[in-house]
Amino acid sequence: MGDRPRLFGTDGIRGKANTDLTPAFAMDLAKAAGETIDGPVLIGQDTRRSSPMLAAALHSGFNAVGVDTVDVGVLPTGGISYLTRTTDAWYGVVVSASHNPAEDNGIKFFGSNGSKLSDQRELMVEERYHQGEPWKQTTAELIGIQREIDDARERYVEYVAGLLPYSLAGFELALDCANGSAFLAAPELFEGLGASAEVFCAEPNGTNINDGCGATRPEFLARRSKGVLGLSFDGDADRLIAVDEDGIPANGDVMLAVLAAYLKENERLEGDAVAVTSMANLGFRRAMMELDIELVETAVGDRYVLDAMMEKGLSLGGEQSGHIIFEDRTTGDGLITAVRLLEVLMSTGKPLMELRQVMTEYPQVLRNVRVRDREELTDAGSLWAAVAEAEADLGDDGRVLVRASGTEPLVRVMVEADTAPRAATIADDLVDVVRAELG
């Protein structure tokens, strides 16, 4: 690859639609990927205005090099993963920028097993993309064709519903679909299971995806859930943030703690361990220690959580952001996470506001600092000295994490402490050092 920047980040390729991610780019990317396989590709998308444009370019690129494509339309990322691994598809492709604003978009690939591509496979696609023309030429009957799966959403919803061994008859829910991929699938799933669901943000218009709602803005649902369990998805529904019956959001750490405790008690936690990233809350870490559950820590990104789960044979892992992965070890799926969480509630007969007491969250402050070059972080001596001083000051009452973003020119400063003001003060001091040294 030389000095060329990577196309694929920790969660596929992201950028401004029709500026960074143009139809020409998508078509050439599909040609590059198509030349490395010998079978059909399944393509789905979210509700962004730009998604049909980019999906059409991907179809055309794959078809141009002789690869047949299957259109599944608007579908949660988890559904595209499921259909990829249960059909003869070589790749599944998702056109979505997940939780990002509507003007952004992204392209994410799954392998035939429904998991994100390995680094080696991504590099192979990148190598071919950068080589450029000439592309493989096909004519006549060798040109790829497009077809559709008319019942894609129905297949996926039926699969997820089958994971819950309980009826939800009489159970009340509030759903925030983020005007994204879950706008049809989520209501169909929970109403089909018997729940009474009040649905919000299920009227996508191409520009309102994640707009003041969804998993990155759980306070939207918290103000409207009226004493019932709330489920807030992001734009492609691979994340879930729950809202408990008191209207308090429960992030990925809280849900993981609830799920881990339940699975451990029922002897269903493979390896008696959970895979989490370095962002996992100190309160979560202490709760797992008390439950005699091992933590396997990874870099930030659900792909790294998945790698650790596969390596260790684990059945549970995830991120604070709400990406949670189960024993199928494929990808985060907000609808499956919701169903698994509901299993705990139904089995124990306890509300989430009680179950979440398994852990005590430490106040956590996260600051994003724009820098001239995130690669300079490694050699920022005065910053690391300031981090060491902050860690010494906190002792066992908190922790500090400073890392570069995997996709943007940002340095992320995270501080946990016994009180929110203390965490904020330390974080702000470190932000000043980052700005002074890295610009």
Protein backbone atom coordinates (compact mmCIF):
# COMPACT_ATOMS: atom_id res chain seq x y z
CA MET A 1 0.00 0.00 0.00
CA GLY A 2 3.00 2.32 0.42
CA ASP A 3 2.07 5.72 1.82
CA ARG A 4 -1.48 5.69 0.48
CA PRO A 5 -4.15 6.32 3.14
CA ARG A 6 -6.35 3.35 3.96
CA LEU A 7 -9.79 3.32 2.38
CA PHE A 8 -11.30 1.12 5.07
CA GLY A 9 -11.50 2.41 8.62
CA THR A 10 -12.66 0.51 11.69
CA ASP A 11 -16.23 0.45 10.33
CA GLY A 12 -15.90 0.46 6.56
CA ILE A 13 -15.48 3.51 4.35
CA ARG A 14 -17.04 6.82 5.40
CA GLY A 15 -17.24 10.29 3.90
CA LYS A 16 -19.44 13.06 2.57
CA ALA A 17 -21.90 11.69 0.04
CA ASN A 18 -21.22 12.82 -3.54
CA THR A 19 -18.04 14.58 -2.39
CA ASP A 20 -15.85 11.89 -0.84
CA LEU A 21 -18.15 9.00 -1.72
CA THR A 22 -19.19 9.55 -5.32
CA PRO A 23 -20.94 7.12 -7.68
CA ALA A 24 -17.69 6.85 -9.65
CA PHE A 25 -15.80 5.88 -6.50
CA ALA A 26 -18.44 3.33 -5.51
CA MET A 27 -18.46 1.80 -8.99
CA ASP A 28 -14.68 1.40 -9.09
CA LEU A 29 -14.65 0.02 -5.54
CA ALA A 30 -17.21 -2.58 -6.58
CA LYS A 31 -15.16 -3.48 -9.65
CA ALA A 32 -12.08 -3.94 -7.45
CA ALA A 33 -13.97 -6.10 -4.97
CA GLY A 34 -15.75 -8.02 -7.71
CA GLU A 35 -12.51 -9.06 -9.38
CA THR A 36 -11.49 -10.92 -6.21
CA ILE A 37 -14.56 -13.18 -5.98
CA ASP A 38 -16.55 -15.71 -7.98
CA GLY A 39 -20.12 -15.43 -6.77
CA PRO A 40 -23.05 -13.10 -6.06
CA VAL A 41 -23.03 -10.02 -3.82
CA LEU A 42 -25.93 -8.90 -1.63
CA ILE A 43 -26.44 -5.11 -1.31
CA GLY A 44 -28.60 -3.25 1.21
CA GLN A 45 -28.89 0.34 2.33
CA ASP A 46 -30.21 2.78 4.92
CA THR A 47 -32.68 5.64 4.39
CA ARG A 48 -30.29 8.46 3.41
CA ARG A 49 -31.09 10.41 0.28
CA SER A 50 -27.70 9.39 -1.16
CA SER A 51 -28.01 5.67 -0.43
CA PRO A 52 -29.94 4.60 -3.57
CA MET A 53 -27.42 6.51 -5.69
CA LEU A 54 -24.43 4.74 -4.15
CA ALA A 55 -26.18 1.37 -4.10
CA ALA A 56 -26.94 1.69 -7.82
CA ALA A 57 -23.28 2.45 -8.52
CA LEU A 58 -22.19 -0.58 -6.53
CA HIS A 59 -24.59 -2.83 -8.43
CA SER A 60 -23.27 -1.46 -11.72
CA GLY A 61 -19.64 -1.91 -10.73
CA PHE A 62 -20.09 -5.51 -9.67
CA ASN A 63 -22.21 -6.30 -12.74
CA ALA A 64 -19.59 -4.74 -15.03
CA VAL A 65 -16.95 -7.28 -13.93
CA GLY A 66 -19.35 -10.21 -14.19
CA VAL A 67 -20.68 -10.45 -10.64
CA ASP A 68 -24.41 -10.91 -10.03
CA THR A 69 -25.97 -8.75 -7.33
CA VAL A 70 -28.98 -9.11 -5.05
CA ASP A 71 -30.84 -6.00 -3.87
CA VAL A 72 -32.44 -6.26 -0.40
CA GLY A 73 -33.41 -2.58 -0.19
CA VAL A 74 -33.61 -0.75 3.14
CA LEU A 75 -32.64 -3.17 5.91
CA PRO A 76 -30.78 -3.00 9.24
CA THR A 77 -27.12 -3.89 9.04
CA GLY A 78 -27.79 -7.00 11.11
CA GLY A 79 -30.31 -8.13 8.52
CA ILE A 80 -27.78 -7.76 5.71
CA SER A 81 -25.27 -9.77 7.75
CA TYR A 82 -27.89 -12.48 8.39
CA LEU A 83 -28.94 -12.78 4.75
CA THR A 84 -25.32 -12.81 3.58
CA ARG A 85 -24.48 -15.80 5.73
CA THR A 86 -27.71 -17.68 4.96
CA THR A 87 -27.58 -17.32 1.18
CA ASP A 88 -24.88 -18.05 -1.39
CA ALA A 89 -23.53 -14.48 -1.31
CA TRP A 90 -19.77 -14.01 -1.34
CA TYR A 91 -20.07 -10.50 0.04
CA GLY A 92 -22.74 -8.48 1.75
CA VAL A 93 -22.47 -4.72 1.23
CA VAL A 94 -24.13 -2.09 3.42
CA VAL A 95 -24.58 1.48 2.17
CA SER A 96 -24.83 3.45 5.40
CA ALA A 97 -22.93 5.85 7.62
CA SER A 98 -24.56 4.34 10.71
CA HIS A 99 -24.99 7.03 13.38
CA ASN A 100 -23.48 9.86 11.28
CA PRO A 101 -25.53 12.80 9.92
CA ALA A 102 -27.58 12.47 6.75
CA GLU A 103 -25.04 14.24 4.55
CA ASP A 104 -22.49 11.49 5.25
CA ASN A 105 -22.57 7.98 3.89
CA GLY A 106 -20.49 4.85 3.99
CA ILE A 107 -19.83 1.46 2.43
CA LYS A 108 -19.25 -1.59 4.60
CA PHE A 109 -18.47 -5.13 3.45
CA PHE A 110 -19.33 -8.46 5.07
CA GLY A 111 -17.78 -11.78 4.13
CA SER A 112 -19.83 -14.88 3.37
CA ASN A 113 -19.96 -15.68 7.12
CA GLY A 114 -21.74 -12.39 7.86
CA SER A 115 -18.73 -10.82 9.59
CA LYS A 116 -16.71 -7.81 8.52
CA LEU A 117 -13.89 -8.52 6.12
CA SER A 118 -10.48 -9.37 7.50
CA ASP A 119 -7.72 -6.78 7.21
CA GLN A 120 -6.08 -9.00 4.60
CA ARG A 121 -9.20 -9.10 2.44
CA GLU A 122 -9.73 -5.33 2.77
CA LEU A 123 -6.13 -4.72 1.72
CA MET A 124 -6.64 -6.95 -1.31
CA VAL A 125 -9.62 -4.85 -2.39
CA GLU A 126 -7.71 -1.61 -1.74
CA GLU A 127 -4.71 -2.80 -3.73
CA ARG A 128 -6.89 -3.57 -6.73
CA TYR A 129 -8.79 -0.28 -6.40
CA HIS A 130 -5.59 1.77 -6.39
CA GLN A 131 -4.25 -0.09 -9.43
CA GLY A 132 -7.28 1.17 -11.34
CA GLU A 133 -7.89 0.56 -15.03
CA PRO A 134 -7.98 -1.63 -16.95
CA TRP A 135 -10.83 -3.48 -15.24
CA LYS A 136 -12.02 -6.92 -16.19
CA GLN A 137 -14.15 -6.66 -19.34
CA THR A 138 -17.33 -8.68 -19.70
CA THR A 139 -19.80 -8.87 -22.56
CA ALA A 140 -23.05 -10.59 -23.45
CA GLU A 141 -24.02 -13.35 -21.02
CA LEU A 142 -20.93 -12.73 -18.86
CA ILE A 143 -22.24 -9.37 -17.63
CA GLY A 144 -23.62 -9.65 -14.10
CA ILE A 145 -27.34 -9.24 -13.48
CA GLN A 146 -29.38 -7.78 -10.64
CA ARG A 147 -32.24 -9.43 -8.82
CA GLU A 148 -34.18 -8.76 -5.62
CA ILE A 149 -35.16 -10.64 -2.48
CA ASP A 150 -38.76 -9.51 -2.07
CA ASP A 151 -39.12 -10.90 1.45
CA ALA A 152 -35.72 -9.85 2.85
CA ARG A 153 -37.14 -7.92 5.80
CA GLU A 154 -39.66 -10.66 6.60
CA ARG A 155 -36.90 -13.31 6.70
CA TYR A 156 -34.79 -11.20 9.01
CA VAL A 157 -37.62 -10.26 11.37
CA GLU A 158 -38.71 -13.91 11.61
CA TYR A 159 -35.16 -14.93 12.49
CA VAL A 160 -34.78 -12.33 15.24
CA ALA A 161 -38.23 -13.07 16.68
CA GLY A 162 -37.28 -16.74 16.94
CA LEU A 163 -34.47 -15.86 19.37
CA LEU A 164 -36.92 -14.84 22.12
CA PRO A 165 -38.43 -17.80 24.02
CA TYR A 166 -41.22 -15.62 25.46
CA SER A 167 -44.30 -13.83 24.24
CA LEU A 168 -44.37 -10.08 24.79
CA ALA A 169 -48.16 -10.01 25.05
CA GLY A 170 -49.14 -7.08 27.27
CA PHE A 171 -45.58 -5.70 27.40
CA GLU A 172 -45.31 -1.97 26.65
CA LEU A 173 -42.36 -0.52 24.78
CA ALA A 174 -41.23 2.77 23.28
CA LEU A 175 -39.16 2.59 20.08
CA ASP A 176 -36.94 5.24 18.51
CA CYS A 177 -36.08 4.12 14.99
CA ALA A 178 -33.84 7.15 14.22
CA ASN A 179 -35.66 7.59 10.88
CA GLY A 180 -33.28 4.92 9.70
CA SER A 181 -33.06 1.29 8.66
CA ALA A 182 -35.18 -0.02 11.54
CA PHE A 183 -38.23 2.11 10.72
CA LEU A 184 -40.18 -0.87 9.43
CA ALA A 185 -38.33 -3.86 10.87
CA ALA A 186 -38.38 -2.83 14.55
CA PRO A 187 -42.13 -2.12 14.84
CA GLU A 188 -42.91 -5.30 12.89
CA LEU A 189 -40.63 -7.35 15.17
CA PHE A 190 -41.97 -6.20 18.52
CA GLU A 191 -45.61 -5.94 17.53
CA GLY A 192 -45.30 -9.42 16.01
CA LEU A 193 -44.05 -10.66 19.38
CA GLY A 194 -47.15 -9.24 21.02
CA ALA A 195 -45.79 -6.03 22.53
CA SER A 196 -47.63 -2.74 22.53
CA ALA A 197 -45.10 -0.39 20.96
CA GLU A 198 -45.23 3.39 20.75
CA VAL A 199 -43.05 4.23 17.79
CA PHE A 200 -41.06 7.42 17.26
CA CYS A 201 -38.88 8.62 14.36
CA ALA A 202 -40.11 6.08 11.84
CA GLU A 203 -40.85 8.50 9.00
CA PRO A 204 -37.61 8.80 7.03
CA ASN A 205 -37.46 11.48 4.35
CA GLY A 206 -33.83 11.02 3.28
CA THR A 207 -32.46 13.87 5.38
CA ASN A 208 -33.78 13.26 8.91
CA ILE A 209 -31.85 10.08 9.76
CA ASN A 210 -30.27 10.44 13.25
CA ASP A 211 -31.51 14.04 13.38
CA GLY A 212 -31.85 14.74 17.11
CA CYS A 213 -32.91 11.18 17.79
CA GLY A 214 -31.64 7.62 17.84
CA ALA A 215 -28.93 5.87 19.83
CA THR A 216 -26.64 8.90 19.89
CA ARG A 217 -29.44 11.03 21.36
CA PRO A 218 -31.18 8.70 23.86
CA GLU A 219 -32.48 11.71 25.76
CA PHE A 220 -35.04 12.10 22.95
CA LEU A 221 -36.70 8.82 23.87
CA ALA A 222 -36.08 9.30 27.60
CA ARG A 223 -38.38 12.34 27.51
CA ARG A 224 -41.12 10.34 25.80
CA SER A 225 -40.98 6.76 27.08
CA LYS A 226 -43.46 7.44 29.93
CA GLY A 227 -42.34 4.81 32.42
CA VAL A 228 -41.89 1.91 30.00
CA LEU A 229 -38.77 0.32 28.55
CA GLY A 230 -37.34 2.36 25.67
CA LEU A 231 -35.26 1.02 22.79
CA SER A 232 -33.29 3.54 20.75
CA PHE A 233 -31.56 2.41 17.54
CA ASP A 234 -29.08 4.25 15.35
CA GLY A 235 -29.34 4.87 11.61
CA ASP A 236 -28.41 1.37 10.47
CA ALA A 237 -29.70 -0.30 13.66
CA ASP A 238 -26.44 -2.02 14.54
CA ARG A 239 -26.45 -0.14 17.86
CA LEU A 240 -28.95 -0.05 20.67
CA ILE A 241 -29.19 2.24 23.67
CA ALA A 242 -31.96 1.27 26.09
CA VAL A 243 -33.89 3.65 28.33
CA ASP A 244 -35.01 2.21 31.65
CA GLU A 245 -38.42 2.63 33.23
CA ASP A 246 -37.21 5.72 35.14
CA GLY A 247 -36.24 7.37 31.86
CA ILE A 248 -32.49 6.89 32.40
CA PRO A 249 -30.45 5.72 29.36
CA ALA A 250 -28.58 2.44 29.66
CA ASN A 251 -25.57 2.39 27.36
CA GLY A 252 -23.65 -0.60 26.03
CA ASP A 253 -21.70 -1.08 29.25
CA VAL A 254 -24.89 -1.26 31.31
CA MET A 255 -26.58 -3.68 28.93
CA LEU A 256 -23.45 -5.83 28.75
CA ALA A 257 -23.32 -5.99 32.54
CA VAL A 258 -26.98 -7.05 32.72
CA LEU A 259 -26.52 -9.66 29.99
CA ALA A 260 -23.23 -10.99 31.37
CA ALA A 261 -24.65 -11.41 34.87
CA TYR A 262 -27.71 -13.26 33.50
CA LEU A 263 -25.70 -15.54 31.20
CA LYS A 264 -23.17 -16.30 33.92
CA GLU A 265 -25.91 -17.22 36.39
CA ASN A 266 -27.50 -19.51 33.80
CA GLU A 267 -24.15 -21.09 32.79
CA ARG A 268 -24.44 -19.73 29.24
CA LEU A 269 -21.47 -17.34 29.24
CA GLU A 270 -18.87 -19.12 27.15
CA GLY A 271 -15.39 -18.81 28.61
CA ASP A 272 -16.82 -16.95 31.62
CA ALA A 273 -15.49 -13.84 29.90
CA VAL A 274 -16.67 -10.74 28.03
CA ALA A 275 -14.78 -8.90 25.29
CA VAL A 276 -14.85 -5.11 25.62
CA THR A 277 -12.86 -2.15 24.37
CA SER A 278 -10.59 0.16 26.31
CA MET A 279 -13.55 2.56 26.65
CA ALA A 280 -15.48 0.21 28.97
CA ASN A 281 -16.48 2.03 32.15
CA LEU A 282 -14.52 1.46 35.34
CA GLY A 283 -17.78 0.57 37.06
CA PHE A 284 -18.35 -2.19 34.51
CA ARG A 285 -14.85 -3.51 35.08
CA ARG A 286 -15.39 -3.67 38.82
CA ALA A 287 -18.78 -5.34 38.41
CA MET A 288 -17.28 -8.07 36.24
CA MET A 289 -14.53 -8.63 38.80
CA GLU A 290 -17.15 -9.13 41.52
CA LEU A 291 -19.01 -11.61 39.30
CA ASP A 292 -15.77 -13.51 38.57
CA ILE A 293 -16.10 -12.73 34.87
CA GLU A 294 -12.87 -12.18 32.95
CA LEU A 295 -12.45 -9.09 30.76
CA VAL A 296 -10.77 -9.44 27.40
CA GLU A 297 -9.83 -5.89 26.37
CA THR A 298 -9.45 -4.75 22.77
CA ALA A 299 -8.85 -1.59 20.79
CA VAL A 300 -11.87 0.61 20.09
CA GLY A 301 -14.04 -0.78 17.29
CA ASP A 302 -16.51 -3.64 17.20
CA ARG A 303 -14.37 -5.48 14.65
CA TYR A 304 -11.67 -5.85 17.30
CA VAL A 305 -14.22 -7.08 19.82
CA LEU A 306 -15.33 -9.66 17.28
CA ASP A 307 -11.73 -10.75 16.61
CA ALA A 308 -11.19 -11.31 20.34
CA MET A 309 -14.46 -13.24 20.65
CA MET A 310 -13.51 -15.53 17.78
CA GLU A 311 -10.00 -16.07 19.11
CA LYS A 312 -11.18 -16.86 22.64
CA GLY A 313 -14.45 -18.59 21.74
CA LEU A 314 -16.59 -16.07 23.65
CA SER A 315 -20.35 -15.61 23.43
CA LEU A 316 -20.61 -11.97 24.53
CA GLY A 317 -18.79 -8.77 23.74
CA GLY A 318 -19.45 -5.19 22.84
CA GLU A 319 -18.89 -1.49 23.11
CA GLN A 320 -20.19 1.30 25.30
CA SER A 321 -21.74 2.81 22.16
CA GLY A 322 -24.27 -0.02 22.00
CA HIS A 323 -22.64 -2.43 19.54
CA ILE A 324 -23.16 -5.82 21.19
CA ILE A 325 -22.15 -9.14 19.66
CA PHE A 326 -23.44 -12.56 20.70
CA GLU A 327 -22.49 -16.17 20.10
CA ASP A 328 -23.00 -16.03 16.32
CA ARG A 329 -19.89 -13.79 16.33
CA THR A 330 -20.85 -11.75 13.28
CA THR A 331 -21.69 -8.10 13.90
CA GLY A 332 -23.54 -5.74 16.19
CA ASP A 333 -27.31 -5.97 15.75
CA GLY A 334 -29.53 -3.59 17.72
CA LEU A 335 -32.69 -5.65 17.20
CA ILE A 336 -31.03 -8.84 18.46
CA THR A 337 -29.59 -6.94 21.41
CA ALA A 338 -33.08 -5.70 22.26
CA VAL A 339 -34.52 -9.21 22.09
CA ARG A 340 -31.74 -10.61 24.29
CA LEU A 341 -32.27 -7.82 26.81
CA LEU A 342 -35.99 -8.51 26.84
CA GLU A 343 -35.25 -12.18 27.50
CA VAL A 344 -33.51 -11.15 30.73
CA LEU A 345 -36.44 -8.97 31.77
CA MET A 346 -39.01 -11.67 31.00
CA SER A 347 -37.00 -14.48 32.59
CA THR A 348 -36.24 -12.64 35.82
CA GLY A 349 -39.46 -10.67 36.05
CA LYS A 350 -37.39 -7.60 36.91
CA PRO A 351 -37.42 -4.18 35.21
CA LEU A 352 -34.26 -2.78 33.67
CA MET A 353 -34.08 -0.06 36.34
CA GLU A 354 -33.52 -2.85 38.89
CA LEU A 355 -31.31 -5.12 36.78
CA ARG A 356 -28.90 -2.29 35.97
CA GLN A 357 -27.91 -2.07 39.63
CA VAL A 358 -25.45 -4.88 38.89
CA MET A 359 -22.97 -2.08 38.11
CA THR A 360 -22.36 1.46 39.28
CA GLU A 361 -21.35 3.79 36.46
CA TYR A 362 -18.41 6.09 37.06
CA PRO A 363 -18.84 9.59 35.64
CA GLN A 364 -17.12 9.64 32.28
CA VAL A 365 -16.14 12.69 30.26
CA LEU A 366 -15.14 12.40 26.61
CA ARG A 367 -13.61 15.28 24.65
CA ASN A 368 -12.80 15.24 20.93
CA VAL A 369 -9.97 17.55 19.92
CA ARG A 370 -9.29 18.36 16.27
CA VAL A 371 -5.57 18.14 15.47
CA ARG A 372 -3.39 18.73 12.43
CA ASP A 373 -2.19 15.10 12.28
CA ARG A 374 -3.45 12.37 14.57
CA GLU A 375 -0.32 10.32 13.84
CA GLU A 376 1.72 12.82 15.89
CA LEU A 377 0.02 11.64 19.09
CA THR A 378 2.53 8.84 19.66
CA ASP A 379 5.43 11.26 20.07
CA ALA A 380 3.59 13.95 22.07
CA GLY A 381 5.88 13.81 25.09
CA SER A 382 4.40 16.63 27.15
CA LEU A 383 0.90 15.20 26.67
CA TRP A 384 1.89 11.76 27.91
CA ALA A 385 3.60 13.35 30.88
CA ALA A 386 0.35 15.18 31.68
CA VAL A 387 -1.59 11.91 31.32
CA ALA A 388 0.76 10.18 33.76
CA GLU A 389 0.31 13.01 36.25
CA ALA A 390 -3.49 12.81 35.96
CA GLU A 391 -3.43 9.05 36.45
CA ALA A 392 -1.31 9.41 39.56
CA ASP A 393 -3.75 11.99 40.91
CA LEU A 394 -6.75 9.72 40.32
CA GLY A 395 -5.20 6.55 41.70
CA ASP A 396 -7.90 3.88 42.03
CA ASP A 397 -10.69 6.45 41.78
CA GLY A 398 -10.63 6.75 38.01
CA ARG A 399 -8.66 6.38 34.81
CA VAL A 400 -7.52 8.28 31.73
CA LEU A 401 -7.56 7.19 28.10
CA VAL A 402 -6.13 9.29 25.26
CA ARG A 403 -6.27 7.88 21.74
CA ALA A 404 -6.39 8.94 18.12
CA SER A 405 -9.61 8.55 16.15
CA GLY A 406 -9.49 5.75 13.61
CA THR A 407 -11.31 7.78 10.95
CA GLU A 408 -10.92 11.53 11.60
CA PRO A 409 -8.14 14.04 12.49
CA LEU A 410 -9.17 13.91 16.14
CA VAL A 411 -7.63 12.98 19.46
CA ARG A 412 -10.12 11.61 21.95
CA VAL A 413 -9.59 12.34 25.65
CA MET A 414 -11.60 10.21 28.06
CA VAL A 415 -11.50 10.65 31.84
CA GLU A 416 -13.40 8.69 34.49
CA ALA A 417 -13.43 9.82 38.09
CA ASP A 418 -15.40 9.46 41.30
CA THR A 419 -17.25 12.73 40.57
CA ALA A 420 -18.30 14.36 37.31
CA PRO A 421 -16.71 17.76 38.10
CA ARG A 422 -13.37 16.09 38.83
CA ALA A 423 -13.51 14.14 35.57
CA ALA A 424 -14.40 17.29 33.61
CA THR A 425 -11.59 19.34 35.15
CA ILE A 426 -8.95 16.73 34.36
CA ALA A 427 -10.29 16.25 30.83
CA ASP A 428 -10.28 19.98 30.12
CA ASP A 429 -6.70 20.30 31.36
CA LEU A 430 -5.59 17.49 29.06
CA VAL A 431 -7.47 19.02 26.12
CA ASP A 432 -5.44 22.21 26.61
CA VAL A 433 -2.23 20.17 26.41
CA VAL A 434 -3.41 18.37 23.25
CA ARG A 435 -4.20 21.69 21.57
CA ALA A 436 -0.90 23.21 22.60
CA GLU A 437 1.17 20.30 21.33
CA LEU A 438 -0.82 18.95 18.38
CA GLY A 439 -2.60 22.04 17.10
